[in-house]
């Protein structure tokens, strides 16, 4: 289980459902395909002692002018953004 990011923003999108946004400086040197491959089709969303597995609908990665990666992961409509605590951590499933 590898850390993908810490959630700094969660919001609901009409078509994509809930989208998690965050950063992980350790991934800044990786390419888009490497990060997408690392994330895969399912993620673990963990906060304190609670964790849940979610299907990944889509992934968006942007690079800032400072060459930092911002990662957005759509997890569909099974959970609402206000049910996600900021600071939760997203992990890969291996």
PDB file of N, CA and C in Angstrom:
ATOM      1  N   UNK A   1       0.858  -1.177   0.000  1.00  0.00           N
ATOM      2  CA  UNK A   1       0.000   0.000   0.000  1.00  0.00           C
ATOM      3  C   UNK A   1       0.902   1.238   0.000  1.00  0.00           C
ATOM      4  N   UNK A   2       0.819   2.020  -1.082  1.00  0.00           N
ATOM      5  CA  UNK A   2       1.616   3.239  -1.208  1.00  0.00           C
ATOM      6  C   UNK A   2       0.717   4.464  -1.093  1.00  0.00           C
ATOM      7  N   UNK A   3       1.236   5.503  -0.464  1.00  0.00           N
ATOM      8  CA  UNK A   3       0.481   6.748  -0.339  1.00  0.00           C
ATOM      9  C   UNK A   3       0.435   7.451  -1.688  1.00  0.00           C
ATOM     10  N   UNK A   4      -0.772   7.841  -2.087  1.00  0.00           N
ATOM     11  CA  UNK A   4      -0.947   8.616  -3.312  1.00  0.00           C
ATOM     12  C   UNK A   4      -0.982  10.101  -2.983  1.00  0.00           C
ATOM     13  N   UNK A   5      -1.820  10.470  -2.002  1.00  0.00           N
ATOM     14  CA  UNK A   5      -1.941  11.890  -1.672  1.00  0.00           C
ATOM     15  C   UNK A   5      -2.723  12.079  -0.386  1.00  0.00           C
ATOM     16  N   UNK A   6      -2.622  13.278   0.148  1.00  0.00           N
ATOM     17  CA  UNK A   6      -3.470  13.727   1.241  1.00  0.00           C
ATOM     18  C   UNK A   6      -4.554  14.602   0.636  1.00  0.00           C
ATOM     19  N   UNK A   7      -5.796  14.355   1.000  1.00  0.00           N
ATOM     20  CA  UNK A   7      -6.926  15.092   0.415  1.00  0.00           C
ATOM     21  C   UNK A   7      -6.977  16.504   0.997  1.00  0.00           C
ATOM     22  N   UNK A   8      -6.876  17.502   0.105  1.00  0.00           N
ATOM     23  CA  UNK A   8      -6.971  18.899   0.532  1.00  0.00           C
ATOM     24  C   UNK A   8      -8.296  19.531   0.099  1.00  0.00           C
ATOM     25  N   UNK A   9      -9.008  18.842  -0.819  1.00  0.00           N
ATOM     26  CA  UNK A   9     -10.285  19.342  -1.317  1.00  0.00           C
ATOM     27  C   UNK A   9     -11.106  18.159  -1.807  1.00  0.00           C
ATOM     28  N   UNK A  10     -12.390  18.175  -1.535  1.00  0.00           N
ATOM     29  CA  UNK A  10     -13.323  17.187  -2.076  1.00  0.00           C
ATOM     30  C   UNK A  10     -14.563  17.945  -2.524  1.00  0.00           C
ATOM     31  N   UNK A  11     -15.033  17.641  -3.730  1.00  0.00           N
ATOM     32  CA  UNK A  11     -16.233  18.312  -4.218  1.00  0.00           C
ATOM     33  C   UNK A  11     -17.034  17.371  -5.111  1.00  0.00           C
ATOM     34  N   UNK A  12     -18.313  17.696  -5.268  1.00  0.00           N
ATOM     35  CA  UNK A  12     -19.204  16.900  -6.101  1.00  0.00           C
ATOM     36  C   UNK A  12     -19.315  17.530  -7.486  1.00  0.00           C
ATOM     37  N   UNK A  13     -19.195  16.683  -8.505  1.00  0.00           N
ATOM     38  CA  UNK A  13     -19.303  17.105  -9.897  1.00  0.00           C
ATOM     39  C   UNK A  13     -20.529  16.421 -10.497  1.00  0.00           C
ATOM     40  N   UNK A  14     -21.265  17.139 -11.307  1.00  0.00           N
ATOM     41  CA  UNK A  14     -22.521  16.637 -11.853  1.00  0.00           C
ATOM     42  C   UNK A  14     -22.350  15.302 -12.585  1.00  0.00           C
ATOM     43  N   UNK A  15     -21.351  15.186 -13.458  1.00  0.00           N
ATOM     44  CA  UNK A  15     -21.158  13.954 -14.225  1.00  0.00           C
ATOM     45  C   UNK A  15     -20.216  12.954 -13.554  1.00  0.00           C
ATOM     46  N   UNK A  16     -19.140  13.437 -12.973  1.00  0.00           N
ATOM     47  CA  UNK A  16     -18.096  12.560 -12.439  1.00  0.00           C
ATOM     48  C   UNK A  16     -18.357  12.067 -11.017  1.00  0.00           C
ATOM     49  N   UNK A  17     -19.257  12.717 -10.313  1.00  0.00           N
ATOM     50  CA  UNK A  17     -19.488  12.357  -8.916  1.00  0.00           C
ATOM     51  C   UNK A  17     -18.493  13.072  -8.015  1.00  0.00           C
ATOM     52  N   UNK A  18     -18.071  12.408  -6.965  1.00  0.00           N
ATOM     53  CA  UNK A  18     -17.168  13.023  -5.998  1.00  0.00           C
ATOM     54  C   UNK A  18     -15.732  12.993  -6.506  1.00  0.00           C
ATOM     55  N   UNK A  19     -15.071  14.130  -6.381  1.00  0.00           N
ATOM     56  CA  UNK A  19     -13.680  14.247  -6.826  1.00  0.00           C
ATOM     57  C   UNK A  19     -12.820  14.624  -5.625  1.00  0.00           C
ATOM     58  N   UNK A  20     -11.755  13.869  -5.446  1.00  0.00           N
ATOM     59  CA  UNK A  20     -10.771  14.123  -4.393  1.00  0.00           C
ATOM     60  C   UNK A  20      -9.577  14.818  -5.021  1.00  0.00           C
ATOM     61  N   UNK A  21      -9.081  15.860  -4.392  1.00  0.00           N
ATOM     62  CA  UNK A  21      -7.937  16.608  -4.906  1.00  0.00           C
ATOM     63  C   UNK A  21      -6.875  16.676  -3.822  1.00  0.00           C
ATOM     64  N   UNK A  22      -5.621  16.491  -4.235  1.00  0.00           N
ATOM     65  CA  UNK A  22      -4.538  16.583  -3.265  1.00  0.00           C
ATOM     66  C   UNK A  22      -3.180  16.572  -3.921  1.00  0.00           C
ATOM     67  N   UNK A  23      -2.159  16.581  -3.088  1.00  0.00           N
ATOM     68  CA  UNK A  23      -0.784  16.582  -3.564  1.00  0.00           C
ATOM     69  C   UNK A  23       0.031  15.553  -2.790  1.00  0.00           C
ATOM     70  N   UNK A  24       1.137  15.189  -3.377  1.00  0.00           N
ATOM     71  CA  UNK A  24       2.134  14.362  -2.710  1.00  0.00           C
ATOM     72  C   UNK A  24       3.475  14.727  -3.345  1.00  0.00           C
ATOM     73  N   UNK A  25       4.305  15.518  -2.676  1.00  0.00           N
ATOM     74  CA  UNK A  25       5.582  15.955  -3.244  1.00  0.00           C
ATOM     75  C   UNK A  25       6.472  14.803  -3.711  1.00  0.00           C
ATOM     76  N   UNK A  26       6.294  13.624  -3.139  1.00  0.00           N
ATOM     77  CA  UNK A  26       7.105  12.479  -3.543  1.00  0.00           C
ATOM     78  C   UNK A  26       6.786  12.020  -4.964  1.00  0.00           C
ATOM     79  N   UNK A  27       5.630  12.421  -5.504  1.00  0.00           N
ATOM     80  CA  UNK A  27       5.241  12.014  -6.856  1.00  0.00           C
ATOM     81  C   UNK A  27       5.559  13.072  -7.907  1.00  0.00           C
ATOM     82  N   UNK A  28       6.070  14.225  -7.490  1.00  0.00           N
ATOM     83  CA  UNK A  28       6.314  15.319  -8.434  1.00  0.00           C
ATOM     84  C   UNK A  28       7.266  14.948  -9.560  1.00  0.00           C
ATOM     85  N   UNK A  29       8.179  14.035  -9.331  1.00  0.00           N
ATOM     86  CA  UNK A  29       9.151  13.668 -10.365  1.00  0.00           C
ATOM     87  C   UNK A  29       8.625  12.587 -11.313  1.00  0.00           C
ATOM     88  N   UNK A  30       7.449  12.019 -11.014  1.00  0.00           N
ATOM     89  CA  UNK A  30       6.894  10.965 -11.865  1.00  0.00           C
ATOM     90  C   UNK A  30       6.099  11.555 -13.021  1.00  0.00           C
ATOM     91  N   UNK A  31       6.001  10.798 -14.093  1.00  0.00           N
ATOM     92  CA  UNK A  31       5.219  11.223 -15.259  1.00  0.00           C
ATOM     93  C   UNK A  31       3.736  10.917 -15.046  1.00  0.00           C
ATOM     94  N   UNK A  32       2.898  11.494 -15.896  1.00  0.00           N
ATOM     95  CA  UNK A  32       1.459  11.244 -15.838  1.00  0.00           C
ATOM     96  C   UNK A  32       1.167   9.743 -15.919  1.00  0.00           C
ATOM     97  N   UNK A  33       1.719   9.012 -16.929  1.00  0.00           N
ATOM     98  CA  UNK A  33       1.430   7.570 -17.001  1.00  0.00           C
ATOM     99  C   UNK A  33       1.903   6.787 -15.772  1.00  0.00           C
ATOM    100  N   UNK A  34       3.012   7.187 -15.189  1.00  0.00           N
ATOM    101  CA  UNK A  34       3.505   6.490 -13.995  1.00  0.00           C
ATOM    102  C   UNK A  34       2.552   6.677 -12.813  1.00  0.00           C
ATOM    103  N   UNK A  35       2.035   7.889 -12.639  1.00  0.00           N
ATOM    104  CA  UNK A  35       1.112   8.156 -11.525  1.00  0.00           C
ATOM    105  C   UNK A  35      -0.211   7.432 -11.754  1.00  0.00           C
ATOM    106  N   UNK A  36      -0.730   7.493 -12.980  1.00  0.00           N
ATOM    107  CA  UNK A  36      -1.991   6.811 -13.294  1.00  0.00           C
ATOM    108  C   UNK A  36      -1.851   5.307 -13.064  1.00  0.00           C
ATOM    109  N   UNK A  37      -0.746   4.737 -13.496  1.00  0.00           N
ATOM    110  CA  UNK A  37      -0.496   3.309 -13.303  1.00  0.00           C
ATOM    111  C   UNK A  37      -0.418   2.962 -11.815  1.00  0.00           C
ATOM    112  N   UNK A  38       0.202   3.821 -11.049  1.00  0.00           N
ATOM    113  CA  UNK A  38       0.335   3.614  -9.606  1.00  0.00           C
ATOM    114  C   UNK A  38      -1.037   3.631  -8.924  1.00  0.00           C
ATOM    115  N   UNK A  39      -1.908   4.550  -9.335  1.00  0.00           N
ATOM    116  CA  UNK A  39      -3.231   4.682  -8.715  1.00  0.00           C
ATOM    117  C   UNK A  39      -4.099   3.463  -9.026  1.00  0.00           C
ATOM    118  N   UNK A  40      -4.133   3.044 -10.270  1.00  0.00           N
ATOM    119  CA  UNK A  40      -4.929   1.870 -10.633  1.00  0.00           C
ATOM    120  C   UNK A  40      -6.417   2.138 -10.667  1.00  0.00           C
ATOM    121  N   UNK A  41      -7.212   1.060 -10.511  1.00  0.00           N
ATOM    122  CA  UNK A  41      -8.670   1.137 -10.640  1.00  0.00           C
ATOM    123  C   UNK A  41      -9.415   1.298  -9.321  1.00  0.00           C
ATOM    124  N   UNK A  42      -8.706   1.078  -8.209  1.00  0.00           N
ATOM    125  CA  UNK A  42      -9.335   1.207  -6.897  1.00  0.00           C
ATOM    126  C   UNK A  42      -8.345   1.847  -5.938  1.00  0.00           C
ATOM    127  N   UNK A  43      -8.893   2.572  -4.965  1.00  0.00           N
ATOM    128  CA  UNK A  43      -8.063   3.235  -3.949  1.00  0.00           C
ATOM    129  C   UNK A  43      -8.611   2.940  -2.564  1.00  0.00           C
ATOM    130  N   UNK A  44      -7.763   3.160  -1.568  1.00  0.00           N
ATOM    131  CA  UNK A  44      -8.196   3.124  -0.178  1.00  0.00           C
ATOM    132  C   UNK A  44      -8.189   4.565   0.323  1.00  0.00           C
ATOM    133  N   UNK A  45      -9.289   4.991   0.898  1.00  0.00           N
ATOM    134  CA  UNK A  45      -9.402   6.320   1.503  1.00  0.00           C
ATOM    135  C   UNK A  45      -9.423   6.102   3.007  1.00  0.00           C
ATOM    136  N   UNK A  46      -8.428   6.664   3.695  1.00  0.00           N
ATOM    137  CA  UNK A  46      -8.261   6.377   5.118  1.00  0.00           C
ATOM    138  C   UNK A  46      -8.197   7.673   5.928  1.00  0.00           C
ATOM    139  N   UNK A  47      -8.928   7.674   7.052  1.00  0.00           N
ATOM    140  CA  UNK A  47      -8.856   8.777   8.001  1.00  0.00           C
ATOM    141  C   UNK A  47      -8.956   8.189   9.405  1.00  0.00           C
ATOM    142  N   UNK A  48      -7.980   8.496  10.248  1.00  0.00           N
ATOM    143  CA  UNK A  48      -7.897   7.920  11.589  1.00  0.00           C
ATOM    144  C   UNK A  48      -7.968   6.396  11.490  1.00  0.00           C
ATOM    145  N   UNK A  49      -8.958   5.778  12.124  1.00  0.00           N
ATOM    146  CA  UNK A  49      -9.047   4.320  12.090  1.00  0.00           C
ATOM    147  C   UNK A  49     -10.099   3.823  11.105  1.00  0.00           C
ATOM    148  N   UNK A  50     -10.648   4.712  10.289  1.00  0.00           N
ATOM    149  CA  UNK A  50     -11.661   4.330   9.308  1.00  0.00           C
ATOM    150  C   UNK A  50     -11.039   4.298   7.908  1.00  0.00           C
ATOM    151  N   UNK A  51     -11.318   3.225   7.165  1.00  0.00           N
ATOM    152  CA  UNK A  51     -10.863   3.176   5.781  1.00  0.00           C
ATOM    153  C   UNK A  51     -11.938   2.544   4.912  1.00  0.00           C
ATOM    154  N   UNK A  52     -11.958   2.979   3.658  1.00  0.00           N
ATOM    155  CA  UNK A  52     -12.948   2.476   2.701  1.00  0.00           C
ATOM    156  C   UNK A  52     -12.292   2.352   1.336  1.00  0.00           C
ATOM    157  N   UNK A  53     -12.736   1.363   0.592  1.00  0.00           N
ATOM    158  CA  UNK A  53     -12.240   1.147  -0.771  1.00  0.00           C
ATOM    159  C   UNK A  53     -13.219   1.791  -1.741  1.00  0.00           C
ATOM    160  N   UNK A  54     -12.675   2.512  -2.723  1.00  0.00           N
ATOM    161  CA  UNK A  54     -13.500   3.172  -3.736  1.00  0.00           C
ATOM    162  C   UNK A  54     -12.974   2.857  -5.131  1.00  0.00           C
ATOM    163  N   UNK A  55     -13.902   2.733  -6.069  1.00  0.00           N
ATOM    164  CA  UNK A  55     -13.551   2.555  -7.471  1.00  0.00           C
ATOM    165  C   UNK A  55     -13.119   3.905  -8.048  1.00  0.00           C
ATOM    166  N   UNK A  56     -12.116   3.883  -8.896  1.00  0.00           N
ATOM    167  CA  UNK A  56     -11.641   5.096  -9.556  1.00  0.00           C
ATOM    168  C   UNK A  56     -12.362   5.225 -10.892  1.00  0.00           C
ATOM    169  N   UNK A  57     -13.072   6.330 -11.083  1.00  0.00           N
ATOM    170  CA  UNK A  57     -13.752   6.586 -12.364  1.00  0.00           C
ATOM    171  C   UNK A  57     -12.824   7.264 -13.354  1.00  0.00           C
ATOM    172  N   UNK A  58     -12.076   8.249 -12.864  1.00  0.00           N
ATOM    173  CA  UNK A  58     -11.139   8.955 -13.743  1.00  0.00           C
ATOM    174  C   UNK A  58     -10.078   9.651 -12.893  1.00  0.00           C
ATOM    175  N   UNK A  59      -8.997  10.019 -13.570  1.00  0.00           N
ATOM    176  CA  UNK A  59      -7.869  10.669 -12.903  1.00  0.00           C
ATOM    177  C   UNK A  59      -7.470  11.887 -13.726  1.00  0.00           C
ATOM    178  N   UNK A  60      -7.229  12.988 -13.053  1.00  0.00           N
ATOM    179  CA  UNK A  60      -6.736  14.203 -13.704  1.00  0.00           C
ATOM    180  C   UNK A  60      -5.493  14.655 -12.961  1.00  0.00           C
ATOM    181  N   UNK A  61      -4.430  14.913 -13.679  1.00  0.00           N
ATOM    182  CA  UNK A  61      -3.197  15.381 -13.058  1.00  0.00           C
ATOM    183  C   UNK A  61      -2.753  16.647 -13.777  1.00  0.00           C
ATOM    184  N   UNK A  62      -2.535  17.686 -13.003  1.00  0.00           N
ATOM    185  CA  UNK A  62      -2.021  18.921 -13.584  1.00  0.00           C
ATOM    186  C   UNK A  62      -0.695  19.258 -12.918  1.00  0.00           C
ATOM    187  N   UNK A  63       0.119  19.995 -13.642  1.00  0.00           N
ATOM    188  CA  UNK A  63       1.419  20.402 -13.116  1.00  0.00           C
ATOM    189  C   UNK A  63       1.427  21.916 -12.986  1.00  0.00           C
ATOM    190  N   UNK A  64       1.775  22.396 -11.800  1.00  0.00           N
ATOM    191  CA  UNK A  64       1.803  23.834 -11.554  1.00  0.00           C
ATOM    192  C   UNK A  64       3.034  24.462 -12.212  1.00  0.00           C
ATOM    193  N   UNK A  65       3.078  25.775 -12.199  1.00  0.00           N
ATOM    194  CA  UNK A  65       4.232  26.485 -12.758  1.00  0.00           C
ATOM    195  C   UNK A  65       5.501  26.190 -11.967  1.00  0.00           C
ATOM    196  N   UNK A  66       5.344  25.749 -10.727  1.00  0.00           N
ATOM    197  CA  UNK A  66       6.486  25.380  -9.882  1.00  0.00           C
ATOM    198  C   UNK A  66       6.857  23.907 -10.057  1.00  0.00           C
ATOM    199  N   UNK A  67       6.251  23.264 -11.092  1.00  0.00           N
ATOM    200  CA  UNK A  67       6.513  21.865 -11.432  1.00  0.00           C
ATOM    201  C   UNK A  67       6.048  20.902 -10.330  1.00  0.00           C
ATOM    202  N   UNK A  68       4.956  21.251  -9.661  1.00  0.00           N
ATOM    203  CA  UNK A  68       4.356  20.398  -8.634  1.00  0.00           C
ATOM    204  C   UNK A  68       3.089  19.764  -9.202  1.00  0.00           C
ATOM    205  N   UNK A  69       2.852  18.501  -8.871  1.00  0.00           N
ATOM    206  CA  UNK A  69       1.686  17.778  -9.382  1.00  0.00           C
ATOM    207  C   UNK A  69       0.482  17.962  -8.458  1.00  0.00           C
ATOM    208  N   UNK A  70      -0.663  18.260  -9.056  1.00  0.00           N
ATOM    209  CA  UNK A  70      -1.950  18.291  -8.369  1.00  0.00           C
ATOM    210  C   UNK A  70      -2.752  17.124  -8.932  1.00  0.00           C
ATOM    211  N   UNK A  71      -3.258  16.267  -8.055  1.00  0.00           N
ATOM    212  CA  UNK A  71      -3.926  15.050  -8.483  1.00  0.00           C
ATOM    213  C   UNK A  71      -5.407  15.133  -8.139  1.00  0.00           C
ATOM    214  N   UNK A  72      -6.243  14.834  -9.118  1.00  0.00           N
ATOM    215  CA  UNK A  72      -7.688  14.765  -8.907  1.00  0.00           C
ATOM    216  C   UNK A  72      -8.161  13.362  -9.254  1.00  0.00           C
ATOM    217  N   UNK A  73      -8.902  12.744  -8.348  1.00  0.00           N
ATOM    218  CA  UNK A  73      -9.403  11.391  -8.561  1.00  0.00           C
ATOM    219  C   UNK A  73     -10.914  11.394  -8.380  1.00  0.00           C
ATOM    220  N   UNK A  74     -11.628  10.997  -9.432  1.00  0.00           N
ATOM    221  CA  UNK A  74     -13.078  10.872  -9.344  1.00  0.00           C
ATOM    222  C   UNK A  74     -13.411   9.477  -8.825  1.00  0.00           C
ATOM    223  N   UNK A  75     -14.256   9.430  -7.778  1.00  0.00           N
ATOM    224  CA  UNK A  75     -14.635   8.139  -7.194  1.00  0.00           C
ATOM    225  C   UNK A  75     -16.138   7.873  -7.337  1.00  0.00           C
ATOM    226  N   UNK A  76     -16.795   8.585  -8.234  1.00  0.00           N
ATOM    227  CA  UNK A  76     -18.196   8.308  -8.515  1.00  0.00           C
ATOM    228  C   UNK A  76     -19.166   8.914  -7.528  1.00  0.00           C
ATOM    229  N   UNK A  77     -20.395   8.427  -7.593  1.00  0.00           N
ATOM    230  CA  UNK A  77     -21.495   9.046  -6.835  1.00  0.00           C
ATOM    231  C   UNK A  77     -21.931   8.246  -5.612  1.00  0.00           C
ATOM    232  N   UNK A  78     -21.152   7.247  -5.207  1.00  0.00           N
ATOM    233  CA  UNK A  78     -21.536   6.438  -4.051  1.00  0.00           C
ATOM    234  C   UNK A  78     -21.269   7.123  -2.713  1.00  0.00           C
ATOM    235  N   UNK A  79     -20.492   8.181  -2.724  1.00  0.00           N
ATOM    236  CA  UNK A  79     -20.190   8.944  -1.511  1.00  0.00           C
ATOM    237  C   UNK A  79     -20.205  10.428  -1.873  1.00  0.00           C
ATOM    238  N   UNK A  80     -20.674  11.254  -0.975  1.00  0.00           N
ATOM    239  CA  UNK A  80     -20.727  12.701  -1.203  1.00  0.00           C
ATOM    240  C   UNK A  80     -19.480  13.375  -0.642  1.00  0.00           C
ATOM    241  N   UNK A  81     -19.118  14.497  -1.225  1.00  0.00           N
ATOM    242  CA  UNK A  81     -17.910  15.226  -0.817  1.00  0.00           C
ATOM    243  C   UNK A  81     -17.946  15.613   0.660  1.00  0.00           C
ATOM    244  N   UNK A  82     -19.130  16.011   1.175  1.00  0.00           N
ATOM    245  CA  UNK A  82     -19.165  16.417   2.577  1.00  0.00           C
ATOM    246  C   UNK A  82     -19.044  15.241   3.543  1.00  0.00           C
ATOM    247  N   UNK A  83     -19.000  14.005   3.037  1.00  0.00           N
ATOM    248  CA  UNK A  83     -18.757  12.831   3.875  1.00  0.00           C
ATOM    249  C   UNK A  83     -17.271  12.496   3.964  1.00  0.00           C
ATOM    250  N   UNK A  84     -16.446  13.240   3.244  1.00  0.00           N
ATOM    251  CA  UNK A  84     -15.008  12.989   3.213  1.00  0.00           C
ATOM    252  C   UNK A  84     -14.305  14.047   4.053  1.00  0.00           C
ATOM    253  N   UNK A  85     -13.507  13.596   5.000  1.00  0.00           N
ATOM    254  CA  UNK A  85     -12.786  14.533   5.860  1.00  0.00           C
ATOM    255  C   UNK A  85     -11.511  14.997   5.169  1.00  0.00           C
ATOM    256  N   UNK A  86     -11.316  16.313   5.128  1.00  0.00           N
ATOM    257  CA  UNK A  86     -10.065  16.834   4.594  1.00  0.00           C
ATOM    258  C   UNK A  86      -8.927  16.325   5.469  1.00  0.00           C
ATOM    259  N   UNK A  87      -7.820  16.017   4.843  1.00  0.00           N
ATOM    260  CA  UNK A  87      -6.708  15.423   5.569  1.00  0.00           C
ATOM    261  C   UNK A  87      -6.697  13.913   5.482  1.00  0.00           C
ATOM    262  N   UNK A  88      -7.764  13.327   4.928  1.00  0.00           N
ATOM    263  CA  UNK A  88      -7.773  11.886   4.692  1.00  0.00           C
ATOM    264  C   UNK A  88      -6.638  11.553   3.739  1.00  0.00           C
ATOM    265  N   UNK A  89      -6.176  10.320   3.794  1.00  0.00           N
ATOM    266  CA  UNK A  89      -5.064   9.904   2.939  1.00  0.00           C
ATOM    267  C   UNK A  89      -5.554   8.851   1.960  1.00  0.00           C
ATOM    268  N   UNK A  90      -5.139   9.004   0.704  1.00  0.00           N
ATOM    269  CA  UNK A  90      -5.478   8.061  -0.353  1.00  0.00           C
ATOM    270  C   UNK A  90      -4.275   7.146  -0.579  1.00  0.00           C
ATOM    271  N   UNK A  91      -4.549   5.834  -0.567  1.00  0.00           N
ATOM    272  CA  UNK A  91      -3.505   4.827  -0.781  1.00  0.00           C
ATOM    273  C   UNK A  91      -3.848   3.948  -1.971  1.00  0.00           C
ATOM    274  N   UNK A  92      -2.814   3.343  -2.537  1.00  0.00           N
ATOM    275  CA  UNK A  92      -3.009   2.356  -3.586  1.00  0.00           C
ATOM    276  C   UNK A  92      -3.461   1.044  -2.964  1.00  0.00           C
ATOM    277  N   UNK A  93      -4.047   0.190  -3.776  1.00  0.00           N
ATOM    278  CA  UNK A  93      -4.372  -1.182  -3.361  1.00  0.00           C
ATOM    279  C   UNK A  93      -3.418  -2.089  -4.115  1.00  0.00           C
ATOM    280  N   UNK A  94      -2.665  -2.886  -3.382  1.00  0.00           N
ATOM    281  CA  UNK A  94      -1.728  -3.806  -4.041  1.00  0.00           C
ATOM    282  C   UNK A  94      -2.101  -5.223  -3.739  1.00  0.00           C
TER     283      UNK A  94
END
